[in-house]
Amino acid sequence: FVVKEKPRVVSVALVGNRRLEDKDLFKAMSVEVGSFYNKALGEDNADKIRAAYRAKGYLTVKVTPEVEPVDAQNYRLIYRIEETPRQYITDIRIAGTHVFTEMELKRMMDSSEVDCFDWINDSGVYDEEKINQDLRLLTARYLQKGYVRVFIEKPKVTLVRFPEYSKILVRMKVTEGAQYFTGKVDIEGDILGDKQRLLDALGVKPGAVFNALLQNQDT
């Protein structure tokens, strides 16, 4: 049996990061001193660093993993980071909505357009996960209003670059579909207790606007 051990990581360093602290980036990473090194591990943690920057509005940061051999079985892992300016959402447009006004939908969203006070906090910063959460929030509001076939297209996000800063434009399109109402409501099968008592306890009522979320609660 000829055995060749995998190389180990004896140190991990971050170079070039000024906007995010080492401790915050290391917290997001999975590689540790003593880990077995492979190329996939290096790239995976570079992605984790990029994700940490994106969550703070730095969308175009560049992260390059480098390996320096100490000896045949020990490597130093270095992440070289090229930071870029923070990107803010300056304009959100929602097309195709009739049930709610565009302003009503924008007020339901966690993502917001930057204003003059947003440099103090993270408001107005573009966050892809927050946008996805907004899609779920808006869809839920339509489902509560009986629009069970509503479809919100994946937002089109445009990054506009200038020498000193960058801005983000978000475009969303809603296809609302028809509004549905509840018809007959009944319970069948092996019923525990009094059927009418169960029917009276349901939130979905005949003739009312069909609420898909309420139906789930009733189930």
C-alpha atoms as a PDB file:
ATOM      1  CA  PHE A   1       0.000   0.000   0.000  1.00  0.00           C
ATOM      2  CA  VAL A   2       1.482   3.312  -1.084  1.00  0.00           C
ATOM      3  CA  VAL A   3      -0.019   6.146   0.952  1.00  0.00           C
ATOM      4  CA  LYS A   4       0.220   9.822   0.065  1.00  0.00           C
ATOM      5  CA  GLU A   5      -1.317  12.146   2.632  1.00  0.00           C
ATOM      6  CA  LYS A   6      -3.331  15.166   1.608  1.00  0.00           C
ATOM      7  CA  PRO A   7      -1.648  18.516   2.296  1.00  0.00           C
ATOM      8  CA  ARG A   8      -2.850  20.515   5.266  1.00  0.00           C
ATOM      9  CA  VAL A   9      -3.533  24.229   5.641  1.00  0.00           C
ATOM     10  CA  VAL A  10      -1.131  25.701   8.210  1.00  0.00           C
ATOM     11  CA  SER A  11      -2.355  29.318   7.909  1.00  0.00           C
ATOM     12  CA  VAL A  12      -5.169  31.328   6.309  1.00  0.00           C
ATOM     13  CA  ALA A  13      -4.693  35.004   5.478  1.00  0.00           C
ATOM     14  CA  LEU A  14      -6.874  37.753   4.048  1.00  0.00           C
ATOM     15  CA  VAL A  15      -5.226  40.512   2.015  1.00  0.00           C
ATOM     16  CA  GLY A  16      -6.879  43.687   0.736  1.00  0.00           C
ATOM     17  CA  ASN A  17     -10.047  43.782   2.840  1.00  0.00           C
ATOM     18  CA  ARG A  18     -10.736  47.151   4.425  1.00  0.00           C
ATOM     19  CA  ARG A  19     -14.507  47.438   4.392  1.00  0.00           C
ATOM     20  CA  LEU A  20     -15.147  44.087   6.124  1.00  0.00           C
ATOM     21  CA  GLU A  21     -13.114  42.952   9.115  1.00  0.00           C
ATOM     22  CA  ASP A  22     -11.112  39.714   9.226  1.00  0.00           C
ATOM     23  CA  LYS A  23     -13.252  38.294  12.050  1.00  0.00           C
ATOM     24  CA  ASP A  24     -16.459  38.737  10.050  1.00  0.00           C
ATOM     25  CA  LEU A  25     -15.022  37.066   6.950  1.00  0.00           C
ATOM     26  CA  PHE A  26     -13.466  34.185   8.909  1.00  0.00           C
ATOM     27  CA  LYS A  27     -16.844  33.650  10.568  1.00  0.00           C
ATOM     28  CA  ALA A  28     -18.398  33.144   7.117  1.00  0.00           C
ATOM     29  CA  MET A  29     -15.690  30.706   5.975  1.00  0.00           C
ATOM     30  CA  SER A  30     -15.445  26.959   6.598  1.00  0.00           C
ATOM     31  CA  VAL A  31     -11.691  26.497   6.114  1.00  0.00           C
ATOM     32  CA  GLU A  32      -9.604  26.329   9.299  1.00  0.00           C
ATOM     33  CA  VAL A  33      -5.960  25.872  10.161  1.00  0.00           C
ATOM     34  CA  GLY A  34      -5.304  22.140  10.077  1.00  0.00           C
ATOM     35  CA  SER A  35      -7.916  21.460   7.369  1.00  0.00           C
ATOM     36  CA  PHE A  36      -6.973  19.147   4.518  1.00  0.00           C
ATOM     37  CA  TYR A  37      -6.460  21.312   1.454  1.00  0.00           C
ATOM     38  CA  ASN A  38      -7.978  20.777  -1.977  1.00  0.00           C
ATOM     39  CA  LYS A  39      -8.819  23.172  -4.792  1.00  0.00           C
ATOM     40  CA  ALA A  40     -12.583  22.871  -4.221  1.00  0.00           C
ATOM     41  CA  LEU A  41     -12.137  23.971  -0.599  1.00  0.00           C
ATOM     42  CA  GLY A  42     -10.234  27.076  -1.702  1.00  0.00           C
ATOM     43  CA  GLU A  43     -12.846  28.077  -4.298  1.00  0.00           C
ATOM     44  CA  ASP A  44     -15.771  27.317  -1.999  1.00  0.00           C
ATOM     45  CA  ASN A  45     -14.452  29.694   0.652  1.00  0.00           C
ATOM     46  CA  ALA A  46     -13.741  32.358  -1.958  1.00  0.00           C
ATOM     47  CA  ASP A  47     -17.476  32.136  -2.798  1.00  0.00           C
ATOM     48  CA  LYS A  48     -18.309  32.518   0.890  1.00  0.00           C
ATOM     49  CA  ILE A  49     -16.214  35.701   1.052  1.00  0.00           C
ATOM     50  CA  ARG A  50     -17.974  37.085  -2.040  1.00  0.00           C
ATOM     51  CA  ALA A  51     -21.359  36.264  -0.483  1.00  0.00           C
ATOM     52  CA  ALA A  52     -20.412  38.136   2.706  1.00  0.00           C
ATOM     53  CA  TYR A  53     -19.557  41.195   0.618  1.00  0.00           C
ATOM     54  CA  ARG A  54     -22.726  40.923  -1.493  1.00  0.00           C
ATOM     55  CA  ALA A  55     -24.838  40.856   1.662  1.00  0.00           C
ATOM     56  CA  LYS A  56     -23.374  44.278   2.508  1.00  0.00           C
ATOM     57  CA  GLY A  57     -23.981  45.733  -0.959  1.00  0.00           C
ATOM     58  CA  TYR A  58     -20.534  45.149  -2.490  1.00  0.00           C
ATOM     59  CA  LEU A  59     -21.596  43.223  -5.584  1.00  0.00           C
ATOM     60  CA  THR A  60     -18.486  43.253  -7.746  1.00  0.00           C
ATOM     61  CA  VAL A  61     -15.768  42.397  -5.229  1.00  0.00           C
ATOM     62  CA  LYS A  62     -13.014  40.136  -6.610  1.00  0.00           C
ATOM     63  CA  VAL A  63     -11.622  37.296  -4.474  1.00  0.00           C
ATOM     64  CA  THR A  64      -8.652  35.209  -5.632  1.00  0.00           C
ATOM     65  CA  PRO A  65      -7.421  32.232  -3.580  1.00  0.00           C
ATOM     66  CA  GLU A  66      -3.668  31.584  -3.689  1.00  0.00           C
ATOM     67  CA  VAL A  67      -1.674  28.675  -2.289  1.00  0.00           C
ATOM     68  CA  GLU A  68       1.903  28.927  -1.024  1.00  0.00           C
ATOM     69  CA  PRO A  69       3.638  25.620  -0.206  1.00  0.00           C
ATOM     70  CA  VAL A  70       5.552  25.582   3.072  1.00  0.00           C
ATOM     71  CA  ASP A  71       6.765  22.057   2.361  1.00  0.00           C
ATOM     72  CA  ALA A  72       5.418  18.972   0.602  1.00  0.00           C
ATOM     73  CA  GLN A  73       2.576  18.484   3.101  1.00  0.00           C
ATOM     74  CA  ASN A  74       1.795  22.007   4.349  1.00  0.00           C
ATOM     75  CA  TYR A  75       0.285  24.971   2.509  1.00  0.00           C
ATOM     76  CA  ARG A  76      -0.474  28.579   3.289  1.00  0.00           C
ATOM     77  CA  LEU A  77      -3.852  29.727   1.939  1.00  0.00           C
ATOM     78  CA  ILE A  78      -4.123  33.414   1.008  1.00  0.00           C
ATOM     79  CA  TYR A  79      -7.248  35.226  -0.217  1.00  0.00           C
ATOM     80  CA  ARG A  80      -6.497  38.391  -2.163  1.00  0.00           C
ATOM     81  CA  ILE A  81      -9.503  40.715  -2.151  1.00  0.00           C
ATOM     82  CA  GLU A  82     -10.116  43.622  -4.530  1.00  0.00           C
ATOM     83  CA  GLU A  83     -12.885  45.741  -3.032  1.00  0.00           C
ATOM     84  CA  THR A  84     -15.210  47.876  -5.152  1.00  0.00           C
ATOM     85  CA  PRO A  85     -17.655  50.649  -4.165  1.00  0.00           C
ATOM     86  CA  ARG A  86     -20.914  49.744  -2.487  1.00  0.00           C
ATOM     87  CA  GLN A  87     -23.948  49.571  -4.761  1.00  0.00           C
ATOM     88  CA  TYR A  88     -27.290  51.081  -3.765  1.00  0.00           C
ATOM     89  CA  ILE A  89     -30.750  50.610  -5.215  1.00  0.00           C
ATOM     90  CA  THR A  90     -31.722  53.972  -6.681  1.00  0.00           C
ATOM     91  CA  ASP A  91     -34.863  53.001  -8.577  1.00  0.00           C
ATOM     92  CA  ILE A  92     -37.471  50.214  -8.226  1.00  0.00           C
ATOM     93  CA  ARG A  93     -40.215  49.870 -10.842  1.00  0.00           C
ATOM     94  CA  ILE A  94     -43.065  47.336 -10.767  1.00  0.00           C
ATOM     95  CA  ALA A  95     -45.162  46.840 -13.922  1.00  0.00           C
ATOM     96  CA  GLY A  96     -48.433  44.982 -14.505  1.00  0.00           C
ATOM     97  CA  THR A  97     -50.020  45.632 -11.109  1.00  0.00           C
ATOM     98  CA  HIS A  98     -53.673  46.706 -10.867  1.00  0.00           C
ATOM     99  CA  VAL A  99     -54.872  45.238  -7.558  1.00  0.00           C
ATOM    100  CA  PHE A 100     -52.263  47.186  -5.598  1.00  0.00           C
ATOM    101  CA  THR A 101     -50.602  50.414  -6.610  1.00  0.00           C
ATOM    102  CA  GLU A 102     -46.894  50.343  -7.336  1.00  0.00           C
ATOM    103  CA  MET A 103     -46.272  52.389  -4.182  1.00  0.00           C
ATOM    104  CA  GLU A 104     -48.270  49.920  -2.040  1.00  0.00           C
ATOM    105  CA  LEU A 105     -46.175  47.004  -3.285  1.00  0.00           C
ATOM    106  CA  LYS A 106     -42.926  48.890  -2.719  1.00  0.00           C
ATOM    107  CA  ARG A 107     -43.973  49.600   0.868  1.00  0.00           C
ATOM    108  CA  MET A 108     -44.502  45.855   1.420  1.00  0.00           C
ATOM    109  CA  MET A 109     -40.928  45.090   0.344  1.00  0.00           C
ATOM    110  CA  ASP A 110     -37.885  44.941   2.606  1.00  0.00           C
ATOM    111  CA  SER A 111     -35.727  46.204  -0.255  1.00  0.00           C
ATOM    112  CA  SER A 112     -35.946  49.942  -0.651  1.00  0.00           C
ATOM    113  CA  GLU A 113     -34.551  52.789  -2.700  1.00  0.00           C
ATOM    114  CA  VAL A 114     -31.662  54.681  -1.178  1.00  0.00           C
ATOM    115  CA  ASP A 115     -32.289  58.090   0.362  1.00  0.00           C
ATOM    116  CA  CYS A 116     -30.069  60.748   1.900  1.00  0.00           C
ATOM    117  CA  PHE A 117     -29.933  59.003   5.298  1.00  0.00           C
ATOM    118  CA  ASP A 118     -29.170  55.480   4.074  1.00  0.00           C
ATOM    119  CA  TRP A 119     -25.396  55.857   4.366  1.00  0.00           C
ATOM    120  CA  ILE A 120     -25.921  55.534   8.138  1.00  0.00           C
ATOM    121  CA  ASN A 121     -27.334  51.993   7.879  1.00  0.00           C
ATOM    122  CA  ASP A 122     -27.873  49.213   5.339  1.00  0.00           C
ATOM    123  CA  SER A 123     -31.165  50.534   3.976  1.00  0.00           C
ATOM    124  CA  GLY A 124     -31.090  50.854   0.205  1.00  0.00           C
ATOM    125  CA  VAL A 125     -28.224  48.379  -0.128  1.00  0.00           C
ATOM    126  CA  TYR A 126     -28.851  45.703  -2.755  1.00  0.00           C
ATOM    127  CA  ASP A 127     -29.181  42.218  -1.258  1.00  0.00           C
ATOM    128  CA  GLU A 128     -30.144  39.338  -3.553  1.00  0.00           C
ATOM    129  CA  GLU A 129     -31.589  37.267  -0.684  1.00  0.00           C
ATOM    130  CA  LYS A 130     -33.703  40.230   0.409  1.00  0.00           C
ATOM    131  CA  ILE A 131     -35.066  40.560  -3.140  1.00  0.00           C
ATOM    132  CA  ASN A 132     -36.025  36.865  -3.118  1.00  0.00           C
ATOM    133  CA  GLN A 133     -37.753  37.383   0.222  1.00  0.00           C
ATOM    134  CA  ASP A 134     -39.647  40.322  -1.294  1.00  0.00           C
ATOM    135  CA  LEU A 135     -40.962  38.060  -4.070  1.00  0.00           C
ATOM    136  CA  ARG A 136     -42.346  35.706  -1.435  1.00  0.00           C
ATOM    137  CA  LEU A 137     -43.896  38.592   0.509  1.00  0.00           C
ATOM    138  CA  LEU A 138     -45.623  40.076  -2.542  1.00  0.00           C
ATOM    139  CA  THR A 139     -46.866  36.671  -3.696  1.00  0.00           C
ATOM    140  CA  ALA A 140     -48.338  36.010  -0.240  1.00  0.00           C
ATOM    141  CA  ARG A 141     -50.256  39.304  -0.328  1.00  0.00           C
ATOM    142  CA  TYR A 142     -51.786  38.397  -3.690  1.00  0.00           C
ATOM    143  CA  LEU A 143     -52.719  34.914  -2.442  1.00  0.00           C
ATOM    144  CA  GLN A 144     -54.542  36.510   0.495  1.00  0.00           C
ATOM    145  CA  LYS A 145     -56.591  38.524  -2.016  1.00  0.00           C
ATOM    146  CA  GLY A 146     -57.659  35.473  -4.047  1.00  0.00           C
ATOM    147  CA  TYR A 147     -55.151  35.828  -6.895  1.00  0.00           C
ATOM    148  CA  VAL A 148     -53.990  32.214  -6.812  1.00  0.00           C
ATOM    149  CA  ARG A 149     -52.406  32.317 -10.286  1.00  0.00           C
ATOM    150  CA  VAL A 150     -50.284  35.403  -9.681  1.00  0.00           C
ATOM    151  CA  PHE A 151     -46.809  35.245 -11.220  1.00  0.00           C
ATOM    152  CA  ILE A 152     -43.969  37.646 -10.462  1.00  0.00           C
ATOM    153  CA  GLU A 153     -41.093  37.379 -12.904  1.00  0.00           C
ATOM    154  CA  LYS A 154     -37.526  37.218 -11.637  1.00  0.00           C
ATOM    155  CA  PRO A 155     -36.500  40.858 -11.179  1.00  0.00           C
ATOM    156  CA  LYS A 156     -34.238  42.383 -13.797  1.00  0.00           C
ATOM    157  CA  VAL A 157     -31.329  43.995 -11.977  1.00  0.00           C
ATOM    158  CA  THR A 158     -29.163  46.488 -13.869  1.00  0.00           C
ATOM    159  CA  LEU A 159     -25.867  47.779 -12.505  1.00  0.00           C
ATOM    160  CA  VAL A 160     -24.957  51.250 -13.805  1.00  0.00           C
ATOM    161  CA  ARG A 161     -21.324  52.177 -13.144  1.00  0.00           C
ATOM    162  CA  PHE A 162     -19.780  55.590 -12.771  1.00  0.00           C
ATOM    163  CA  PRO A 163     -16.152  56.454 -11.885  1.00  0.00           C
ATOM    164  CA  GLU A 164     -16.985  57.292  -8.263  1.00  0.00           C
ATOM    165  CA  TYR A 165     -20.015  55.097  -7.550  1.00  0.00           C
ATOM    166  CA  SER A 166     -22.452  52.574  -8.966  1.00  0.00           C
ATOM    167  CA  LYS A 167     -26.232  52.451  -8.845  1.00  0.00           C
ATOM    168  CA  ILE A 168     -28.728  49.611  -9.245  1.00  0.00           C
ATOM    169  CA  LEU A 169     -32.024  49.659 -11.111  1.00  0.00           C
ATOM    170  CA  VAL A 170     -34.590  46.961 -10.260  1.00  0.00           C
ATOM    171  CA  ARG A 171     -37.417  46.152 -12.672  1.00  0.00           C
ATOM    172  CA  MET A 172     -40.236  43.758 -11.707  1.00  0.00           C
ATOM    173  CA  LYS A 173     -43.257  42.552 -13.676  1.00  0.00           C
ATOM    174  CA  VAL A 174     -46.419  41.093 -12.160  1.00  0.00           C
ATOM    175  CA  THR A 175     -49.020  38.965 -13.954  1.00  0.00           C
ATOM    176  CA  GLU A 176     -51.960  38.995 -11.560  1.00  0.00           C
ATOM    177  CA  GLY A 177     -54.459  36.632 -13.216  1.00  0.00           C
ATOM    178  CA  ALA A 178     -58.097  36.376 -12.121  1.00  0.00           C
ATOM    179  CA  GLN A 179     -59.427  36.743  -8.598  1.00  0.00           C
ATOM    180  CA  TYR A 180     -60.966  33.599  -7.118  1.00  0.00           C
ATOM    181  CA  PHE A 181     -63.765  33.204  -4.581  1.00  0.00           C
ATOM    182  CA  THR A 182     -64.577  30.262  -2.344  1.00  0.00           C
ATOM    183  CA  GLY A 183     -67.382  27.983  -3.517  1.00  0.00           C
ATOM    184  CA  LYS A 184     -68.593  25.052  -1.456  1.00  0.00           C
ATOM    185  CA  VAL A 185     -66.687  24.145   1.695  1.00  0.00           C
ATOM    186  CA  ASP A 186     -67.148  20.632   3.035  1.00  0.00           C
ATOM    187  CA  ILE A 187     -65.399  17.971   5.113  1.00  0.00           C
ATOM    188  CA  GLU A 188     -65.546  14.315   4.095  1.00  0.00           C
ATOM    189  CA  GLY A 189     -64.064  11.031   5.254  1.00  0.00           C
ATOM    190  CA  ASP A 190     -63.293   9.850   8.782  1.00  0.00           C
ATOM    191  CA  ILE A 191     -64.460  12.860  10.774  1.00  0.00           C
ATOM    192  CA  LEU A 192     -63.407  13.295  14.380  1.00  0.00           C
ATOM    193  CA  GLY A 193     -66.197  14.906  16.430  1.00  0.00           C
ATOM    194  CA  ASP A 194     -69.044  17.045  15.116  1.00  0.00           C
ATOM    195  CA  LYS A 195     -68.728  17.963  11.419  1.00  0.00           C
ATOM    196  CA  GLN A 196     -70.586  21.275  11.714  1.00  0.00           C
ATOM    197  CA  ARG A 197     -68.396  22.347  14.607  1.00  0.00           C
ATOM    198  CA  LEU A 198     -65.309  21.744  12.451  1.00  0.00           C
ATOM    199  CA  LEU A 199     -66.856  23.685   9.529  1.00  0.00           C
ATOM    200  CA  ASP A 200     -67.682  26.618  11.786  1.00  0.00           C
ATOM    201  CA  ALA A 201     -64.079  26.729  12.988  1.00  0.00           C
ATOM    202  CA  LEU A 202     -62.666  27.092   9.459  1.00  0.00           C
ATOM    203  CA  GLY A 203     -61.404  30.456   8.277  1.00  0.00           C
ATOM    204  CA  VAL A 204     -62.319  29.802   4.633  1.00  0.00           C
ATOM    205  CA  LYS A 205     -66.031  30.591   4.139  1.00  0.00           C
ATOM    206  CA  PRO A 206     -68.278  30.039   1.091  1.00  0.00           C
ATOM    207  CA  GLY A 207     -68.681  33.165  -1.034  1.00  0.00           C
ATOM    208  CA  ALA A 208     -65.659  34.944   0.447  1.00  0.00           C
ATOM    209  CA  VAL A 209     -62.459  35.804  -1.394  1.00  0.00           C
ATOM    210  CA  PHE A 210     -60.378  32.625  -1.557  1.00  0.00           C
ATOM    211  CA  ASN A 211     -57.350  32.903   0.705  1.00  0.00           C
ATOM    212  CA  ALA A 212     -54.760  30.196  -0.037  1.00  0.00           C
ATOM    213  CA  LEU A 213     -52.855  30.964   3.164  1.00  0.00           C
ATOM    214  CA  LEU A 214     -56.031  30.636   5.219  1.00  0.00           C
ATOM    215  CA  GLN A 215     -56.747  27.308   3.528  1.00  0.00           C
ATOM    216  CA  ASN A 216     -53.372  26.008   4.707  1.00  0.00           C
ATOM    217  CA  GLN A 217     -54.178  27.089   8.249  1.00  0.00           C
ATOM    218  CA  ASP A 218     -57.551  25.330   8.036  1.00  0.00           C
ATOM    219  CA  THR A 219     -55.882  22.120   6.922  1.00  0.00           C
END
